Amino acid sequence: MNQSILFPDLQNWDRQNQVVIFPVQVQGVNVECQISLAKLVLLSAISMEANQQDMETQILALFDEYRFDIEEEVEKLIEQELFDEYGKVLLL
């Protein structure tokens, strides 16, 4: 684990864009990261019902369950400096 990359326990669901947004600190600089619902479902190998009332709760629980895998993948992208044009790390 890279000590200069920190993952605060903060995340939220962006329903409009169908992504979980979470911050990462890279050498003291905040970087926004996003993981798509499709990528989360792929990681977990489960299906999500889009019409469920508690979908946000389920998605954030799924994010927590796979947090270690997500953080590993984000670390690799950061180390390879694979940011989008806005300086974000995207797992789509």
N, C-alpha and C. Protein backbone atom coordinates (compact mmCIF):
# COMPACT_ATOMS: atom_id res chain seq x y z
N MET A 1 0.84 -1.19 0.00
CA MET A 1 0.00 0.00 0.00
C MET A 1 0.88 1.24 0.00
N ASN A 2 0.58 2.17 -0.84
CA ASN A 2 1.33 3.40 -0.98
C ASN A 2 0.90 4.35 0.14
N GLN A 3 1.84 4.76 1.00
CA GLN A 3 1.53 5.62 2.14
C GLN A 3 1.19 7.04 1.73
N SER A 4 1.54 7.45 0.52
CA SER A 4 1.23 8.81 0.08
C SER A 4 -0.16 8.90 -0.55
N ILE A 5 -0.88 7.79 -0.59
CA ILE A 5 -2.25 7.77 -1.12
C ILE A 5 -3.17 7.34 0.02
N LEU A 6 -4.07 8.24 0.41
CA LEU A 6 -4.99 7.98 1.51
C LEU A 6 -6.43 7.96 1.01
N PHE A 7 -7.21 7.03 1.53
CA PHE A 7 -8.61 6.88 1.14
C PHE A 7 -9.50 7.18 2.35
N PRO A 8 -10.02 8.41 2.47
CA PRO A 8 -10.95 8.71 3.55
C PRO A 8 -12.23 7.87 3.39
N ASP A 9 -12.91 7.65 4.47
CA ASP A 9 -14.14 6.87 4.45
C ASP A 9 -15.32 7.78 4.09
N LEU A 10 -15.27 8.36 2.91
CA LEU A 10 -16.31 9.26 2.41
C LEU A 10 -16.68 8.83 1.01
N GLN A 11 -17.94 8.61 0.77
CA GLN A 11 -18.41 8.27 -0.56
C GLN A 11 -19.89 8.61 -0.67
N ASN A 12 -20.31 8.93 -1.87
CA ASN A 12 -21.73 9.16 -2.09
C ASN A 12 -22.14 8.68 -3.46
N TRP A 13 -23.40 8.40 -3.59
CA TRP A 13 -23.98 7.88 -4.82
C TRP A 13 -24.52 9.03 -5.65
N ASP A 14 -24.09 9.13 -6.88
CA ASP A 14 -24.60 10.11 -7.84
C ASP A 14 -25.57 9.37 -8.75
N ARG A 15 -26.85 9.49 -8.43
CA ARG A 15 -27.89 8.74 -9.15
C ARG A 15 -27.96 9.14 -10.62
N GLN A 16 -27.81 10.42 -10.89
CA GLN A 16 -27.92 10.90 -12.27
C GLN A 16 -26.84 10.28 -13.17
N ASN A 17 -25.61 10.22 -12.68
CA ASN A 17 -24.51 9.69 -13.48
C ASN A 17 -24.22 8.21 -13.22
N GLN A 18 -24.95 7.62 -12.25
CA GLN A 18 -24.80 6.20 -11.93
C GLN A 18 -23.37 5.84 -11.53
N VAL A 19 -22.79 6.68 -10.63
CA VAL A 19 -21.44 6.45 -10.13
C VAL A 19 -21.38 6.70 -8.63
N VAL A 20 -20.46 6.01 -7.96
CA VAL A 20 -20.11 6.33 -6.58
C VAL A 20 -18.91 7.26 -6.67
N ILE A 21 -19.00 8.39 -5.99
CA ILE A 21 -17.92 9.37 -5.98
C ILE A 21 -17.23 9.29 -4.63
N PHE A 22 -15.90 9.23 -4.65
CA PHE A 22 -15.15 9.16 -3.40
C PHE A 22 -13.82 9.88 -3.57
N PRO A 23 -13.36 10.54 -2.49
CA PRO A 23 -12.10 11.28 -2.58
C PRO A 23 -10.90 10.40 -2.25
N VAL A 24 -9.77 10.81 -2.76
CA VAL A 24 -8.48 10.20 -2.44
C VAL A 24 -7.51 11.35 -2.22
N GLN A 25 -6.67 11.22 -1.22
CA GLN A 25 -5.61 12.21 -1.03
C GLN A 25 -4.31 11.63 -1.56
N VAL A 26 -3.71 12.36 -2.51
CA VAL A 26 -2.45 11.94 -3.10
C VAL A 26 -1.42 13.00 -2.73
N GLN A 27 -0.53 12.64 -1.82
CA GLN A 27 0.49 13.57 -1.31
C GLN A 27 -0.14 14.89 -0.87
N GLY A 28 -1.26 14.79 -0.15
CA GLY A 28 -1.93 15.96 0.40
C GLY A 28 -2.91 16.65 -0.54
N VAL A 29 -2.98 16.22 -1.78
CA VAL A 29 -3.89 16.83 -2.75
C VAL A 29 -5.11 15.93 -2.90
N ASN A 30 -6.30 16.54 -2.81
CA ASN A 30 -7.53 15.77 -2.99
C ASN A 30 -7.79 15.49 -4.46
N VAL A 31 -8.09 14.24 -4.76
CA VAL A 31 -8.41 13.81 -6.12
C VAL A 31 -9.76 13.13 -6.06
N GLU A 32 -10.67 13.52 -6.94
CA GLU A 32 -11.98 12.87 -7.01
C GLU A 32 -11.88 11.59 -7.81
N CYS A 33 -12.48 10.54 -7.28
CA CYS A 33 -12.53 9.26 -7.98
C CYS A 33 -13.99 8.86 -8.15
N GLN A 34 -14.24 8.11 -9.20
CA GLN A 34 -15.59 7.63 -9.46
C GLN A 34 -15.52 6.18 -9.92
N ILE A 35 -16.49 5.39 -9.43
CA ILE A 35 -16.65 4.03 -9.93
C ILE A 35 -18.08 3.89 -10.40
N SER A 36 -18.26 3.39 -11.60
CA SER A 36 -19.60 3.27 -12.16
C SER A 36 -20.34 2.10 -11.53
N LEU A 37 -21.65 2.17 -11.60
CA LEU A 37 -22.48 1.07 -11.13
C LEU A 37 -22.14 -0.19 -11.90
N ALA A 38 -21.92 -0.06 -13.20
CA ALA A 38 -21.60 -1.23 -14.03
C ALA A 38 -20.31 -1.90 -13.54
N LYS A 39 -19.29 -1.11 -13.20
CA LYS A 39 -18.02 -1.66 -12.71
C LYS A 39 -18.20 -2.32 -11.35
N LEU A 40 -19.02 -1.71 -10.50
CA LEU A 40 -19.30 -2.27 -9.18
C LEU A 40 -20.02 -3.60 -9.29
N VAL A 41 -20.98 -3.66 -10.19
CA VAL A 41 -21.71 -4.91 -10.42
C VAL A 41 -20.77 -5.97 -10.99
N LEU A 42 -19.88 -5.57 -11.87
CA LEU A 42 -18.90 -6.49 -12.44
C LEU A 42 -17.98 -7.06 -11.36
N LEU A 43 -17.53 -6.21 -10.44
CA LEU A 43 -16.68 -6.66 -9.34
C LEU A 43 -17.40 -7.67 -8.45
N SER A 44 -18.68 -7.42 -8.20
CA SER A 44 -19.42 -8.23 -7.24
C SER A 44 -20.14 -9.41 -7.87
N ALA A 45 -20.32 -9.38 -9.17
CA ALA A 45 -21.03 -10.45 -9.89
C ALA A 45 -22.47 -10.62 -9.39
N ILE A 46 -23.11 -9.49 -9.02
CA ILE A 46 -24.53 -9.53 -8.67
C ILE A 46 -25.27 -8.55 -9.56
N SER A 47 -26.57 -8.65 -9.59
CA SER A 47 -27.36 -7.71 -10.37
C SER A 47 -28.07 -6.74 -9.44
N MET A 48 -28.31 -5.55 -9.91
CA MET A 48 -29.01 -4.53 -9.13
C MET A 48 -30.31 -4.19 -9.83
N GLU A 49 -31.35 -4.09 -9.08
CA GLU A 49 -32.65 -3.69 -9.61
C GLU A 49 -32.74 -2.17 -9.54
N ALA A 50 -32.85 -1.53 -10.68
CA ALA A 50 -32.83 -0.07 -10.75
C ALA A 50 -34.04 0.58 -10.07
N ASN A 51 -35.12 -0.15 -9.87
CA ASN A 51 -36.31 0.46 -9.31
C ASN A 51 -36.45 0.25 -7.81
N GLN A 52 -35.48 -0.30 -7.16
CA GLN A 52 -35.57 -0.54 -5.72
C GLN A 52 -35.41 0.78 -4.97
N GLN A 53 -36.25 0.96 -3.95
CA GLN A 53 -36.21 2.20 -3.18
C GLN A 53 -34.91 2.36 -2.40
N ASP A 54 -34.33 1.27 -1.94
CA ASP A 54 -33.11 1.34 -1.15
C ASP A 54 -31.86 1.07 -1.99
N MET A 55 -31.92 1.41 -3.26
CA MET A 55 -30.80 1.14 -4.16
C MET A 55 -29.52 1.85 -3.70
N GLU A 56 -29.64 3.09 -3.29
CA GLU A 56 -28.45 3.84 -2.85
C GLU A 56 -27.77 3.14 -1.68
N THR A 57 -28.55 2.69 -0.72
CA THR A 57 -28.01 1.98 0.44
C THR A 57 -27.29 0.71 0.00
N GLN A 58 -27.89 -0.03 -0.92
CA GLN A 58 -27.29 -1.27 -1.41
C GLN A 58 -25.99 -0.99 -2.17
N ILE A 59 -26.00 0.05 -2.97
CA ILE A 59 -24.81 0.39 -3.76
C ILE A 59 -23.66 0.79 -2.84
N LEU A 60 -23.94 1.62 -1.84
CA LEU A 60 -22.89 2.05 -0.92
C LEU A 60 -22.39 0.89 -0.07
N ALA A 61 -23.27 -0.04 0.28
CA ALA A 61 -22.85 -1.24 1.01
C ALA A 61 -21.96 -2.11 0.13
N LEU A 62 -22.30 -2.20 -1.15
CA LEU A 62 -21.49 -2.96 -2.10
C LEU A 62 -20.12 -2.30 -2.26
N PHE A 63 -20.10 -0.98 -2.33
CA PHE A 63 -18.84 -0.24 -2.41
C PHE A 63 -17.97 -0.57 -1.19
N ASP A 64 -18.57 -0.54 0.00
CA ASP A 64 -17.83 -0.85 1.23
C ASP A 64 -17.29 -2.28 1.21
N GLU A 65 -18.10 -3.20 0.72
CA GLU A 65 -17.70 -4.61 0.67
C GLU A 65 -16.48 -4.83 -0.22
N TYR A 66 -16.40 -4.07 -1.32
CA TYR A 66 -15.30 -4.22 -2.28
C TYR A 66 -14.30 -3.08 -2.23
N ARG A 67 -14.34 -2.32 -1.15
CA ARG A 67 -13.47 -1.14 -1.00
C ARG A 67 -11.99 -1.48 -1.22
N PHE A 68 -11.51 -2.56 -0.63
CA PHE A 68 -10.08 -2.90 -0.76
C PHE A 68 -9.71 -3.11 -2.24
N ASP A 69 -10.53 -3.84 -2.98
CA ASP A 69 -10.27 -4.07 -4.40
C ASP A 69 -10.31 -2.77 -5.19
N ILE A 70 -11.28 -1.92 -4.86
CA ILE A 70 -11.43 -0.63 -5.54
C ILE A 70 -10.20 0.24 -5.27
N GLU A 71 -9.79 0.29 -4.00
CA GLU A 71 -8.63 1.10 -3.64
C GLU A 71 -7.36 0.61 -4.33
N GLU A 72 -7.18 -0.69 -4.44
CA GLU A 72 -6.02 -1.23 -5.15
C GLU A 72 -6.00 -0.79 -6.60
N GLU A 73 -7.15 -0.86 -7.24
CA GLU A 73 -7.24 -0.48 -8.65
C GLU A 73 -6.99 1.02 -8.83
N VAL A 74 -7.53 1.83 -7.93
CA VAL A 74 -7.32 3.28 -7.98
C VAL A 74 -5.83 3.60 -7.77
N GLU A 75 -5.20 2.94 -6.81
CA GLU A 75 -3.77 3.16 -6.57
C GLU A 75 -2.95 2.90 -7.83
N LYS A 76 -3.25 1.83 -8.53
CA LYS A 76 -2.53 1.51 -9.77
C LYS A 76 -2.71 2.61 -10.81
N LEU A 77 -3.95 3.10 -10.95
CA LEU A 77 -4.22 4.16 -11.93
C LEU A 77 -3.49 5.45 -11.55
N ILE A 78 -3.46 5.78 -10.26
CA ILE A 78 -2.77 6.98 -9.80
C ILE A 78 -1.27 6.85 -10.04
N GLU A 79 -0.71 5.70 -9.71
CA GLU A 79 0.73 5.49 -9.91
C GLU A 79 1.12 5.57 -11.39
N GLN A 80 0.17 5.19 -12.27
CA GLN A 80 0.42 5.29 -13.71
C GLN A 80 0.01 6.65 -14.25
N GLU A 81 -0.46 7.53 -13.34
CA GLU A 81 -0.91 8.88 -13.69
C GLU A 81 -2.01 8.87 -14.75
N LEU A 82 -2.95 7.95 -14.59
CA LEU A 82 -4.07 7.82 -15.53
C LEU A 82 -5.28 8.58 -15.00
N PHE A 83 -5.24 9.90 -15.17
CA PHE A 83 -6.33 10.78 -14.77
C PHE A 83 -7.08 11.22 -16.02
N ASP A 84 -8.36 11.59 -15.86
CA ASP A 84 -9.08 12.13 -17.01
C ASP A 84 -8.68 13.59 -17.21
N GLU A 85 -9.28 14.27 -18.16
CA GLU A 85 -8.91 15.65 -18.48
C GLU A 85 -9.22 16.62 -17.34
N TYR A 86 -10.04 16.20 -16.36
CA TYR A 86 -10.38 17.04 -15.22
C TYR A 86 -9.61 16.66 -13.96
N GLY A 87 -8.66 15.74 -14.09
CA GLY A 87 -7.84 15.32 -12.97
C GLY A 87 -8.50 14.27 -12.09
N LYS A 88 -9.54 13.63 -12.59
CA LYS A 88 -10.26 12.60 -11.84
C LYS A 88 -9.75 11.21 -12.22
N VAL A 89 -9.95 10.28 -11.29
CA VAL A 89 -9.66 8.86 -11.57
C VAL A 89 -11.00 8.18 -11.77
N LEU A 90 -11.16 7.53 -12.92
CA LEU A 90 -12.44 6.91 -13.25
C LEU A 90 -12.30 5.41 -13.41
N LEU A 91 -13.18 4.68 -12.75
CA LEU A 91 -13.30 3.23 -12.92
C LEU A 91 -14.66 3.00 -13.55
N LEU A 92 -14.68 2.88 -14.84
CA LEU A 92 -15.97 2.77 -15.54
C LEU A 92 -16.22 1.40 -16.12
